[in-house]
């Protein structure tokens, strides 16, 4: 990503080439004067259920280069509810898959005469069923 340091508008190499159609650029690409490379930075940690991350205007660091910036934004109640419903649905699917796996393990353990393992798996299954009922 590049930055027009006059307008602070972010752009791509393609955008720069389109803005300067009669210019022959070097390979590898070097932007013309007034444009600089923006060093990428990782997105900040956030709760994807209640927040989102969006890119803001890059800043000139004390290292002398421009760096990508992010901000964490709280979602509205409708988006949070939709995200929570999606997370619950995904968790229910995971619980069902794990329950199916535990049931198979229980049968296998029973065949092999491992009562302690059966008890452990039954306890895991009961906990998962309780969690699913709470969702």
C-alpha atoms as a PDB file:
ATOM      1  CA  UNK A   1       0.000   0.000   0.000  1.00  0.00           C
ATOM      2  CA  UNK A   2       1.195   3.489  -0.795  1.00  0.00           C
ATOM      3  CA  UNK A   3       0.278   6.935   0.485  1.00  0.00           C
ATOM      4  CA  UNK A   4      -0.018  10.276  -1.274  1.00  0.00           C
ATOM      5  CA  UNK A   5       1.706  12.386   1.367  1.00  0.00           C
ATOM      6  CA  UNK A   6      -0.034  15.559   0.168  1.00  0.00           C
ATOM      7  CA  UNK A   7      -3.615  14.280   0.409  1.00  0.00           C
ATOM      8  CA  UNK A   8      -2.969  11.353   2.824  1.00  0.00           C
ATOM      9  CA  UNK A   9      -4.985   9.218   0.402  1.00  0.00           C
ATOM     10  CA  UNK A  10      -3.986   5.552   0.397  1.00  0.00           C
ATOM     11  CA  UNK A  11      -3.524   3.898  -2.975  1.00  0.00           C
ATOM     12  CA  UNK A  12      -2.129   0.847  -4.693  1.00  0.00           C
ATOM     13  CA  UNK A  13       0.619   0.514  -7.272  1.00  0.00           C
ATOM     14  CA  UNK A  14      -2.122   0.153  -9.884  1.00  0.00           C
ATOM     15  CA  UNK A  15      -3.692   3.459  -8.754  1.00  0.00           C
ATOM     16  CA  UNK A  16      -0.342   5.241  -9.073  1.00  0.00           C
ATOM     17  CA  UNK A  17       0.318   3.794 -12.524  1.00  0.00           C
ATOM     18  CA  UNK A  18      -3.169   4.895 -13.629  1.00  0.00           C
ATOM     19  CA  UNK A  19      -2.549   8.414 -12.306  1.00  0.00           C
ATOM     20  CA  UNK A  20       0.708   8.611 -14.292  1.00  0.00           C
ATOM     21  CA  UNK A  21      -0.106   6.813 -17.586  1.00  0.00           C
ATOM     22  CA  UNK A  22       2.822   8.308 -19.510  1.00  0.00           C
ATOM     23  CA  UNK A  23       5.438   7.413 -16.908  1.00  0.00           C
ATOM     24  CA  UNK A  24       7.761   4.446 -17.171  1.00  0.00           C
ATOM     25  CA  UNK A  25       8.362   3.056 -13.692  1.00  0.00           C
ATOM     26  CA  UNK A  26      11.317   1.025 -12.495  1.00  0.00           C
ATOM     27  CA  UNK A  27      11.197  -2.687 -11.758  1.00  0.00           C
ATOM     28  CA  UNK A  28      10.796  -3.333  -8.918  1.00  0.00           C
ATOM     29  CA  UNK A  29       8.243  -0.546  -8.662  1.00  0.00           C
ATOM     30  CA  UNK A  30       9.371   2.734  -7.133  1.00  0.00           C
ATOM     31  CA  UNK A  31       6.611   5.281  -6.532  1.00  0.00           C
ATOM     32  CA  UNK A  32       7.011   8.816  -7.881  1.00  0.00           C
ATOM     33  CA  UNK A  33       7.795  11.797  -5.671  1.00  0.00           C
ATOM     34  CA  UNK A  34       4.957  12.571  -3.282  1.00  0.00           C
ATOM     35  CA  UNK A  35       4.097   8.895  -2.758  1.00  0.00           C
ATOM     36  CA  UNK A  36       5.578   6.628  -0.107  1.00  0.00           C
ATOM     37  CA  UNK A  37       5.354   2.993   0.918  1.00  0.00           C
ATOM     38  CA  UNK A  38       3.166   2.390   3.997  1.00  0.00           C
ATOM     39  CA  UNK A  39       4.664  -0.194   6.319  1.00  0.00           C
ATOM     40  CA  UNK A  40       2.017  -2.718   7.384  1.00  0.00           C
ATOM     41  CA  UNK A  41       1.206  -3.224  11.047  1.00  0.00           C
ATOM     42  CA  UNK A  42      -0.797  -5.999  12.704  1.00  0.00           C
ATOM     43  CA  UNK A  43      -4.425  -5.434  13.578  1.00  0.00           C
ATOM     44  CA  UNK A  44      -5.018  -4.844  17.281  1.00  0.00           C
ATOM     45  CA  UNK A  45      -6.632  -7.507  19.437  1.00  0.00           C
ATOM     46  CA  UNK A  46     -10.384  -7.174  19.711  1.00  0.00           C
ATOM     47  CA  UNK A  47     -13.544  -9.130  20.537  1.00  0.00           C
ATOM     48  CA  UNK A  48     -15.000 -10.107  17.134  1.00  0.00           C
ATOM     49  CA  UNK A  49     -18.448 -10.548  18.685  1.00  0.00           C
ATOM     50  CA  UNK A  50     -18.745  -6.943  19.920  1.00  0.00           C
ATOM     51  CA  UNK A  51     -16.077  -5.058  17.954  1.00  0.00           C
ATOM     52  CA  UNK A  52     -14.563  -4.611  14.536  1.00  0.00           C
ATOM     53  CA  UNK A  53     -11.253  -3.187  13.361  1.00  0.00           C
ATOM     54  CA  UNK A  54     -10.899  -0.599  10.636  1.00  0.00           C
ATOM     55  CA  UNK A  55      -7.924   1.005   9.022  1.00  0.00           C
ATOM     56  CA  UNK A  56      -7.282   4.698   9.650  1.00  0.00           C
ATOM     57  CA  UNK A  57      -4.874   7.209   8.140  1.00  0.00           C
ATOM     58  CA  UNK A  58      -1.235   6.077   8.343  1.00  0.00           C
ATOM     59  CA  UNK A  59       1.121   8.087  10.552  1.00  0.00           C
ATOM     60  CA  UNK A  60       4.689   9.201  10.087  1.00  0.00           C
ATOM     61  CA  UNK A  61       6.663   7.450  12.825  1.00  0.00           C
ATOM     62  CA  UNK A  62       9.718   8.693  14.637  1.00  0.00           C
ATOM     63  CA  UNK A  63      11.614   6.118  12.555  1.00  0.00           C
ATOM     64  CA  UNK A  64      10.943   8.314   9.519  1.00  0.00           C
ATOM     65  CA  UNK A  65       8.529   6.039   7.681  1.00  0.00           C
ATOM     66  CA  UNK A  66       4.770   5.882   7.309  1.00  0.00           C
ATOM     67  CA  UNK A  67       3.013   3.085   9.187  1.00  0.00           C
ATOM     68  CA  UNK A  68      -0.453   1.600   8.846  1.00  0.00           C
ATOM     69  CA  UNK A  69      -2.843   2.419  11.700  1.00  0.00           C
ATOM     70  CA  UNK A  70      -5.973   0.710  13.034  1.00  0.00           C
ATOM     71  CA  UNK A  71      -8.816   1.520  15.387  1.00  0.00           C
ATOM     72  CA  UNK A  72     -11.160  -0.766  17.281  1.00  0.00           C
ATOM     73  CA  UNK A  73     -14.815   0.189  16.875  1.00  0.00           C
ATOM     74  CA  UNK A  74     -17.745  -1.090  18.937  1.00  0.00           C
ATOM     75  CA  UNK A  75     -20.516  -2.718  16.916  1.00  0.00           C
ATOM     76  CA  UNK A  76     -24.183  -1.796  17.230  1.00  0.00           C
ATOM     77  CA  UNK A  77     -26.568  -4.047  19.165  1.00  0.00           C
ATOM     78  CA  UNK A  78     -27.992  -5.636  16.008  1.00  0.00           C
ATOM     79  CA  UNK A  79     -24.558  -6.670  14.718  1.00  0.00           C
ATOM     80  CA  UNK A  80     -23.576  -7.982  18.157  1.00  0.00           C
ATOM     81  CA  UNK A  81     -26.749 -10.079  18.330  1.00  0.00           C
ATOM     82  CA  UNK A  82     -26.105 -11.489  14.848  1.00  0.00           C
ATOM     83  CA  UNK A  83     -22.469 -12.295  15.722  1.00  0.00           C
ATOM     84  CA  UNK A  84     -23.535 -13.972  18.972  1.00  0.00           C
ATOM     85  CA  UNK A  85     -26.152 -16.056  17.157  1.00  0.00           C
ATOM     86  CA  UNK A  86     -23.546 -17.129  14.606  1.00  0.00           C
ATOM     87  CA  UNK A  87     -21.050 -18.004  17.360  1.00  0.00           C
ATOM     88  CA  UNK A  88     -23.711 -20.010  19.211  1.00  0.00           C
ATOM     89  CA  UNK A  89     -24.628 -21.907  16.046  1.00  0.00           C
ATOM     90  CA  UNK A  90     -20.970 -22.711  15.386  1.00  0.00           C
ATOM     91  CA  UNK A  91     -20.485 -23.879  18.975  1.00  0.00           C
ATOM     92  CA  UNK A  92     -23.600 -26.081  18.777  1.00  0.00           C
ATOM     93  CA  UNK A  93     -22.233 -27.712  15.629  1.00  0.00           C
ATOM     94  CA  UNK A  94     -18.895 -28.314  17.361  1.00  0.00           C
ATOM     95  CA  UNK A  95     -20.627 -29.775  20.420  1.00  0.00           C
ATOM     96  CA  UNK A  96     -22.694 -32.142  18.287  1.00  0.00           C
ATOM     97  CA  UNK A  97     -19.562 -33.330  16.486  1.00  0.00           C
ATOM     98  CA  UNK A  98     -17.735 -33.851  19.755  1.00  0.00           C
ATOM     99  CA  UNK A  99     -20.719 -35.694  21.245  1.00  0.00           C
ATOM    100  CA  UNK A 100     -20.803 -38.009  18.250  1.00  0.00           C
ATOM    101  CA  UNK A 101     -17.103 -38.657  18.727  1.00  0.00           C
ATOM    102  CA  UNK A 102     -17.516 -39.329  22.457  1.00  0.00           C
ATOM    103  CA  UNK A 103     -20.347 -41.767  21.836  1.00  0.00           C
ATOM    104  CA  UNK A 104     -18.114 -43.739  19.454  1.00  0.00           C
ATOM    105  CA  UNK A 105     -15.301 -43.680  21.987  1.00  0.00           C
ATOM    106  CA  UNK A 106     -17.670 -44.932  24.675  1.00  0.00           C
ATOM    107  CA  UNK A 107     -18.709 -47.913  22.562  1.00  0.00           C
ATOM    108  CA  UNK A 108     -15.090 -48.688  21.752  1.00  0.00           C
ATOM    109  CA  UNK A 109     -14.094 -48.385  25.410  1.00  0.00           C
ATOM    110  CA  UNK A 110     -16.985 -50.616  26.483  1.00  0.00           C
ATOM    111  CA  UNK A 111     -15.839 -53.286  24.080  1.00  0.00           C
ATOM    112  CA  UNK A 112     -12.381 -53.108  25.566  1.00  0.00           C
ATOM    113  CA  UNK A 113     -13.665 -53.180  29.164  1.00  0.00           C
ATOM    114  CA  UNK A 114     -12.459 -49.742  30.242  1.00  0.00           C
ATOM    115  CA  UNK A 115     -15.142 -48.606  32.658  1.00  0.00           C
ATOM    116  CA  UNK A 116     -13.127 -45.602  33.999  1.00  0.00           C
ATOM    117  CA  UNK A 117     -12.735 -44.273  30.459  1.00  0.00           C
ATOM    118  CA  UNK A 118     -16.466 -44.751  29.826  1.00  0.00           C
ATOM    119  CA  UNK A 119     -17.256 -42.775  32.972  1.00  0.00           C
ATOM    120  CA  UNK A 120     -14.892 -39.987  31.915  1.00  0.00           C
ATOM    121  CA  UNK A 121     -16.399 -39.765  28.433  1.00  0.00           C
ATOM    122  CA  UNK A 122     -19.932 -39.843  29.810  1.00  0.00           C
ATOM    123  CA  UNK A 123     -19.021 -36.938  32.117  1.00  0.00           C
ATOM    124  CA  UNK A 124     -17.602 -34.994  29.164  1.00  0.00           C
ATOM    125  CA  UNK A 125     -20.752 -35.678  27.157  1.00  0.00           C
ATOM    126  CA  UNK A 126     -22.975 -34.553  30.035  1.00  0.00           C
ATOM    127  CA  UNK A 127     -21.007 -31.295  30.368  1.00  0.00           C
ATOM    128  CA  UNK A 128     -21.282 -30.632  26.645  1.00  0.00           C
ATOM    129  CA  UNK A 129     -25.032 -31.339  26.668  1.00  0.00           C
ATOM    130  CA  UNK A 130     -25.425 -28.890  29.561  1.00  0.00           C
ATOM    131  CA  UNK A 131     -23.426 -26.234  27.713  1.00  0.00           C
ATOM    132  CA  UNK A 132     -25.484 -26.749  24.568  1.00  0.00           C
ATOM    133  CA  UNK A 133     -28.735 -26.443  26.526  1.00  0.00           C
ATOM    134  CA  UNK A 134     -27.503 -23.132  27.937  1.00  0.00           C
ATOM    135  CA  UNK A 135     -26.842 -21.692  24.458  1.00  0.00           C
END
